[in-house]
Amino acid sequence: MAGDKLGRHMDFSSPRGYYLDYSHMAASEPECDERGVPVVRVKDGRASSPPLAARSALGNLELYFESGNPERRERFSSLARWLIDSMEVVPGSFGGWSMPDVPRSLRSELPEGWFSASAHAECVAALVRAVSLLHMEGAAEAARRALGAFHTSVEDGGFLREIGEEGTDCGVESLVFIEEYPVPEAPRMVLGSHVRAVWTLFDYLNVDADPGVRALFSRCVSGLAFSLERFDLGYWTTASLDGRRVRPASSERHRTHVLMMDTLYRMTGEAAFGEAARRWRGYGKDPRNKARARLERARAALANARIPLAPEPE
């Protein structure tokens, strides 16, 4: 399972190591194409995988900080360069990296060449580190252009979902959430995708103090703190708020949720995140909770056999 350990070289004052440890993905990389870019199998053969490329880049960076091996630094650099060169630009909008395949359960909702918020966030995270550590030409512009997807509404093809109506409650802003699956009529609110986006906005602000990015970061943090209890089942966490049936997260995903809350608390000082980390860690220590989560996941799978739930992104 990717991402169930904290990165050992994170730095909240400047982008350095990533917040989750992907070193295992660099130590034993998946199949790569002739350019050295990780690929996945699709119906027509093989396709380059932006999320695997980003995680391999971040994993190699982690290993470079561990060992000082220049080959790891070069591997990070080459994958970051590929992300710059392979970025697709939506005319009049943002840049990004389309996914090589559509999840089976979402083929009626997502088009071929769809964009994933979690993959997008980690691609930008790699680029921001290429700016901060390597001063790589083109990385800053690519990261800036890609961030446009987080400012763009799901109705317009981006990841930003507005919840509520701005100004209707004593002038309070509506909440925002970064959606993994940009389907306007089907909110799913995947917790891990939103957190990865928050991390990426935070990292970007360490290389460019853009006031628009700062405002979005603040709204994403406050919106998550306000809605956090909805991801708490009282004995476990849920990975998303899919309206058809809320199911417990897998054990690996639950551990990652705890790490994410720990990191957000250290990053923002928001008490709600620290309290959630403590409570959710306690859930995981009780084997009865783990058994109940497995049972409820099985029940959810049976109940949704005809109408599959959206997959939990890695």
Protein backbone atom coordinates (compact mmCIF):
# COMPACT_ATOMS: atom_id res chain seq x y z
CA MET A 1 0.00 0.00 0.00
CA ALA A 2 1.40 3.38 -1.02
CA GLY A 3 1.61 6.14 1.53
CA ASP A 4 1.11 4.55 4.95
CA LYS A 5 4.38 5.94 6.37
CA LEU A 6 5.37 9.55 6.88
CA GLY A 7 8.22 10.92 4.83
CA ARG A 8 11.35 11.34 6.93
CA HIS A 9 12.61 14.50 5.23
CA MET A 10 9.57 16.78 5.13
CA ASP A 11 10.20 20.44 5.88
CA PHE A 12 7.41 22.91 6.52
CA SER A 13 9.63 25.91 5.80
CA SER A 14 10.63 24.88 2.27
CA PRO A 15 9.60 22.02 -0.08
CA ARG A 16 12.00 19.16 0.56
CA GLY A 17 10.96 15.55 1.16
CA TYR A 18 7.31 14.66 0.56
CA TYR A 19 4.87 14.15 3.42
CA LEU A 20 4.25 10.47 2.61
CA ASP A 21 7.11 8.03 2.06
CA TYR A 22 7.13 6.69 -1.50
CA SER A 23 10.69 5.39 -1.36
CA HIS A 24 9.48 1.81 -1.89
CA MET A 25 8.12 2.86 -5.30
CA ALA A 26 11.57 4.10 -6.28
CA ALA A 27 13.45 1.14 -4.83
CA SER A 28 11.47 -1.30 -7.00
CA GLU A 29 9.96 0.75 -9.79
CA PRO A 30 7.16 -0.62 -11.97
CA GLU A 31 7.60 -1.32 -15.65
CA CYS A 32 8.89 1.71 -17.57
CA ASP A 33 8.87 2.76 -21.21
CA GLU A 34 11.90 3.63 -23.30
CA ARG A 35 12.01 7.11 -21.72
CA GLY A 36 12.15 5.64 -18.22
CA VAL A 37 8.56 6.70 -17.41
CA PRO A 38 6.45 4.20 -15.40
CA VAL A 39 3.65 2.62 -17.41
CA VAL A 40 0.43 0.74 -16.69
CA ARG A 41 -1.36 -1.85 -18.79
CA VAL A 42 -4.42 -0.56 -20.65
CA LYS A 43 -6.72 -2.24 -23.16
CA ASP A 44 -4.59 -1.15 -26.10
CA GLY A 45 -1.22 -2.03 -24.56
CA ARG A 46 0.79 0.22 -22.27
CA ALA A 47 0.41 3.87 -21.31
CA SER A 48 2.61 6.24 -19.35
CA SER A 49 1.26 6.91 -15.86
CA PRO A 50 1.54 10.46 -14.45
CA PRO A 51 0.66 9.40 -10.86
CA LEU A 52 3.28 6.64 -10.88
CA ALA A 53 5.81 9.05 -12.41
CA ALA A 54 5.14 11.62 -9.66
CA ARG A 55 5.37 9.08 -6.86
CA SER A 56 8.51 7.55 -8.30
CA ALA A 57 10.02 11.04 -8.51
CA LEU A 58 9.10 11.80 -4.89
CA GLY A 59 10.34 8.36 -3.79
CA ASN A 60 13.69 8.87 -5.50
CA LEU A 61 13.99 12.24 -3.80
CA GLU A 62 13.38 10.56 -0.45
CA LEU A 63 16.13 8.03 -1.19
CA TYR A 64 18.48 10.80 -2.31
CA PHE A 65 18.06 12.56 1.03
CA GLU A 66 18.71 9.24 2.77
CA SER A 67 21.88 8.28 0.89
CA GLY A 68 23.14 11.25 -1.10
CA ASN A 69 23.29 8.96 -4.14
CA PRO A 70 23.44 11.28 -7.20
CA GLU A 71 21.68 8.66 -9.33
CA ARG A 72 18.57 9.14 -7.20
CA ARG A 73 18.75 12.90 -7.70
CA GLU A 74 19.12 12.42 -11.44
CA ARG A 75 16.16 10.04 -11.54
CA PHE A 76 14.03 12.61 -9.71
CA SER A 77 15.19 15.27 -12.16
CA SER A 78 14.40 13.19 -15.26
CA LEU A 79 10.89 12.35 -14.06
CA ALA A 80 10.20 15.99 -13.14
CA ARG A 81 11.38 17.00 -16.60
CA TRP A 82 8.97 14.47 -18.14
CA LEU A 83 6.10 15.97 -16.14
CA ILE A 84 6.93 19.42 -17.54
CA ASP A 85 7.22 18.16 -21.10
CA SER A 86 4.10 15.97 -20.99
CA MET A 87 1.72 18.51 -19.49
CA GLU A 88 -1.48 18.94 -21.48
CA VAL A 89 -3.02 22.41 -21.63
CA VAL A 90 -6.78 22.86 -21.59
CA PRO A 91 -7.38 25.80 -23.97
CA GLY A 92 -8.14 28.94 -22.01
CA SER A 93 -7.84 27.14 -18.70
CA PHE A 94 -5.27 25.03 -16.81
CA GLY A 95 -2.60 22.45 -17.53
CA GLY A 96 -2.50 18.88 -16.30
CA TRP A 97 -1.89 15.20 -16.91
CA SER A 98 -4.68 12.94 -18.13
CA MET A 99 -5.12 9.52 -16.58
CA PRO A 100 -4.30 6.48 -18.73
CA ASP A 101 -7.59 4.70 -17.99
CA VAL A 102 -11.03 5.24 -16.46
CA PRO A 103 -12.02 3.22 -13.36
CA ARG A 104 -14.52 0.51 -14.35
CA SER A 105 -17.22 1.78 -11.97
CA LEU A 106 -17.00 5.32 -13.39
CA ARG A 107 -16.91 4.66 -17.13
CA SER A 108 -20.40 6.07 -17.55
CA GLU A 109 -19.44 9.28 -15.75
CA LEU A 110 -15.85 10.12 -16.62
CA PRO A 111 -14.50 10.67 -20.15
CA GLU A 112 -11.35 9.14 -21.54
CA GLY A 113 -8.43 11.38 -20.68
CA TRP A 114 -9.97 12.53 -17.39
CA PHE A 115 -7.96 14.38 -14.74
CA SER A 116 -7.47 13.06 -11.17
CA ALA A 117 -7.07 15.56 -8.33
CA SER A 118 -4.76 13.34 -6.26
CA ALA A 119 -2.51 12.58 -9.23
CA HIS A 120 -2.55 16.26 -10.17
CA ALA A 121 -1.55 17.29 -6.65
CA GLU A 122 1.42 14.92 -6.50
CA CYS A 123 2.62 15.87 -9.98
CA VAL A 124 2.64 19.53 -8.87
CA ALA A 125 4.36 18.51 -5.61
CA ALA A 126 7.20 17.00 -7.65
CA LEU A 127 7.43 20.14 -9.82
CA VAL A 128 7.52 22.48 -6.81
CA ARG A 129 10.46 20.49 -5.44
CA ALA A 130 12.17 20.71 -8.83
CA VAL A 131 11.82 24.50 -8.49
CA SER A 132 12.99 24.67 -4.88
CA LEU A 133 15.86 22.17 -5.05
CA LEU A 134 17.01 22.18 -8.69
CA HIS A 135 15.80 25.56 -10.04
CA MET A 136 14.64 23.53 -13.04
CA GLU A 137 13.74 25.57 -16.09
CA GLY A 138 10.03 25.45 -16.84
CA ALA A 139 9.04 23.83 -13.55
CA ALA A 140 7.68 27.00 -11.93
CA GLU A 141 5.54 27.88 -14.94
CA ALA A 142 4.23 24.30 -15.22
CA ALA A 143 3.34 24.22 -11.52
CA ARG A 144 1.61 27.61 -11.74
CA ARG A 145 -0.41 26.54 -14.77
CA ALA A 146 -1.37 23.22 -13.17
CA LEU A 147 -2.60 24.94 -10.00
CA GLY A 148 -5.30 26.49 -12.16
CA ALA A 149 -7.19 23.17 -11.93
CA PHE A 150 -7.69 23.70 -8.19
CA HIS A 151 -9.15 27.14 -8.85
CA THR A 152 -11.47 25.82 -11.58
CA SER A 153 -14.94 24.52 -10.69
CA VAL A 154 -15.97 20.94 -11.40
CA GLU A 155 -18.65 22.39 -13.69
CA ASP A 156 -15.85 23.83 -15.83
CA GLY A 157 -13.70 20.69 -15.76
CA GLY A 158 -11.55 21.45 -12.71
CA PHE A 159 -11.54 20.08 -9.17
CA LEU A 160 -13.11 22.84 -7.07
CA ARG A 161 -16.52 22.13 -5.59
CA GLU A 162 -18.37 24.96 -3.86
CA ILE A 163 -20.63 23.80 -1.02
CA GLY A 164 -23.38 26.20 -0.01
CA GLU A 165 -24.05 29.70 -1.26
CA GLU A 166 -21.55 32.45 -0.57
CA GLY A 167 -22.80 35.21 1.67
CA THR A 168 -26.15 33.69 2.67
CA ASP A 169 -25.16 33.07 6.29
CA CYS A 170 -24.07 36.41 7.77
CA GLY A 171 -21.70 36.92 4.84
CA VAL A 172 -19.74 33.74 5.55
CA GLU A 173 -18.05 32.23 2.49
CA SER A 174 -19.29 28.95 1.11
CA LEU A 175 -17.10 25.91 1.77
CA VAL A 176 -14.84 24.43 -0.87
CA PHE A 177 -13.63 20.89 -1.43
CA ILE A 178 -11.16 19.50 -3.95
CA GLU A 179 -12.85 16.63 -5.78
CA GLU A 180 -10.92 13.55 -6.93
CA TYR A 181 -13.47 12.76 -9.62
CA PRO A 182 -14.63 15.95 -11.39
CA VAL A 183 -18.26 14.96 -11.99
CA PRO A 184 -20.52 17.99 -11.36
CA GLU A 185 -23.68 16.09 -10.43
CA ALA A 186 -22.04 13.41 -8.25
CA PRO A 187 -20.16 14.77 -5.19
CA ARG A 188 -17.86 12.17 -3.65
CA MET A 189 -15.48 14.24 -1.52
CA VAL A 190 -12.48 11.91 -1.25
CA LEU A 191 -10.58 12.84 1.92
CA GLY A 192 -7.09 11.85 0.77
CA SER A 193 -7.35 13.77 -2.50
CA HIS A 194 -8.38 16.96 -0.73
CA VAL A 195 -5.51 16.65 1.77
CA ARG A 196 -2.95 16.09 -0.99
CA ALA A 197 -4.23 19.22 -2.71
CA VAL A 198 -3.91 21.21 0.54
CA TRP A 199 -0.32 20.01 0.90
CA THR A 200 0.48 21.07 -2.65
CA LEU A 201 -1.03 24.52 -2.19
CA PHE A 202 1.06 24.91 0.99
CA ASP A 203 4.24 23.85 -0.82
CA TYR A 204 3.58 26.22 -3.69
CA LEU A 205 3.22 29.14 -1.30
CA ASN A 206 6.78 28.46 -0.13
CA VAL A 207 8.08 29.22 -3.63
CA ASP A 208 5.50 31.80 -4.75
CA ALA A 209 3.45 33.87 -2.26
CA ASP A 210 0.51 34.14 -4.66
CA PRO A 211 -2.44 35.77 -2.80
CA GLY A 212 -4.99 33.75 -4.78
CA VAL A 213 -3.29 30.49 -3.81
CA ARG A 214 -3.11 31.65 -0.19
CA ALA A 215 -6.84 32.40 -0.17
CA LEU A 216 -7.67 29.00 -1.67
CA PHE A 217 -5.38 27.23 0.81
CA SER A 218 -7.14 28.99 3.69
CA ARG A 219 -10.59 28.06 2.37
CA CYS A 220 -9.58 24.43 1.82
CA VAL A 221 -8.22 24.16 5.37
CA SER A 222 -11.24 25.78 7.01
CA GLY A 223 -13.67 23.78 4.88
CA LEU A 224 -12.01 20.50 5.83
CA ALA A 225 -11.90 21.39 9.52
CA PHE A 226 -15.63 22.20 9.38
CA SER A 227 -16.61 18.98 7.56
CA LEU A 228 -14.10 16.62 9.20
CA GLU A 229 -16.62 14.94 11.50
CA ARG A 230 -18.47 13.61 8.45
CA PHE A 231 -15.48 11.36 7.73
CA ASP A 232 -15.63 9.93 11.28
CA LEU A 233 -17.87 6.87 11.66
CA GLY A 234 -17.44 6.75 15.45
CA TYR A 235 -15.20 3.69 15.27
CA TRP A 236 -13.32 4.14 11.96
CA THR A 237 -12.90 6.59 9.09
CA THR A 238 -14.47 6.66 5.65
CA ALA A 239 -12.41 7.50 2.58
CA SER A 240 -15.16 9.49 0.85
CA LEU A 241 -18.68 10.79 1.21
CA ASP A 242 -20.19 8.99 -1.77
CA GLY A 243 -23.90 9.65 -1.34
CA ARG A 244 -25.04 6.14 -2.26
CA ARG A 245 -23.48 4.44 0.76
CA VAL A 246 -20.70 5.52 3.10
CA ARG A 247 -18.29 2.66 3.72
CA PRO A 248 -15.37 2.32 6.13
CA ALA A 249 -11.91 2.90 4.69
CA SER A 250 -9.50 0.00 4.30
CA SER A 251 -7.06 -0.55 7.16
CA GLU A 252 -4.23 0.91 5.08
CA ARG A 253 -6.28 3.94 4.11
CA HIS A 254 -7.32 4.49 7.74
CA ARG A 255 -3.64 4.57 8.78
CA THR A 256 -2.94 7.07 6.03
CA HIS A 257 -5.82 9.26 7.26
CA VAL A 258 -4.17 9.36 10.70
CA LEU A 259 -0.84 10.41 9.17
CA MET A 260 -2.57 13.05 7.09
CA MET A 261 -4.24 14.58 10.12
CA ASP A 262 -0.93 14.58 12.03
CA THR A 263 0.75 16.38 9.14
CA LEU A 264 -2.06 18.90 8.66
CA TYR A 265 -1.96 19.73 12.37
CA ARG A 266 1.79 20.39 12.20
CA MET A 267 1.33 22.38 8.99
CA THR A 268 -1.58 24.59 10.06
CA GLY A 269 -1.89 24.39 13.86
CA GLU A 270 -5.63 23.72 13.41
CA ALA A 271 -6.76 21.88 16.56
CA ALA A 272 -9.43 19.85 14.73
CA PHE A 273 -6.75 17.98 12.81
CA GLY A 274 -4.73 17.11 15.91
CA GLU A 275 -7.87 15.91 17.70
CA ALA A 276 -8.87 13.78 14.70
CA ALA A 277 -5.40 12.20 14.52
CA ARG A 278 -5.55 11.24 18.19
CA ARG A 279 -9.08 9.86 17.98
CA TRP A 280 -8.57 7.97 14.71
CA ARG A 281 -5.31 6.47 15.93
CA GLY A 282 -7.23 5.17 18.94
CA TYR A 283 -9.82 3.55 16.66
CA GLY A 284 -7.07 1.60 14.91
CA LYS A 285 -5.72 0.18 18.16
CA ASP A 286 -8.96 -1.66 18.96
CA PRO A 287 -9.22 -4.97 17.03
CA ARG A 288 -13.01 -4.87 17.40
CA ASN A 289 -13.09 -1.68 15.35
CA LYS A 290 -10.94 -3.23 12.65
CA ALA A 291 -13.19 -6.30 12.49
CA ARG A 292 -16.30 -4.11 12.33
CA ALA A 293 -14.78 -2.04 9.51
CA ARG A 294 -14.03 -5.19 7.49
CA LEU A 295 -17.59 -6.44 7.99
CA GLU A 296 -19.14 -3.13 6.99
CA ARG A 297 -16.93 -2.92 3.89
CA ALA A 298 -18.12 -6.37 2.86
CA ARG A 299 -21.73 -5.35 3.41
CA ALA A 300 -21.23 -2.19 1.36
CA ALA A 301 -19.72 -4.24 -1.48
CA LEU A 302 -22.73 -6.57 -1.51
CA ALA A 303 -25.24 -3.72 -1.29
CA ASN A 304 -23.60 -1.92 -4.20
CA ALA A 305 -22.93 -4.94 -6.40
CA ARG A 306 -25.29 -3.55 -9.05
CA ILE A 307 -24.35 0.10 -8.53
CA PRO A 308 -20.60 0.06 -7.75
CA LEU A 309 -19.13 2.67 -5.47
CA ALA A 310 -16.37 4.83 -6.83
CA PRO A 311 -12.96 3.30 -6.11
CA GLU A 312 -10.79 4.61 -3.31
CA PRO A 313 -7.82 6.23 -5.09
CA GLU A 314 -4.37 5.20 -3.89
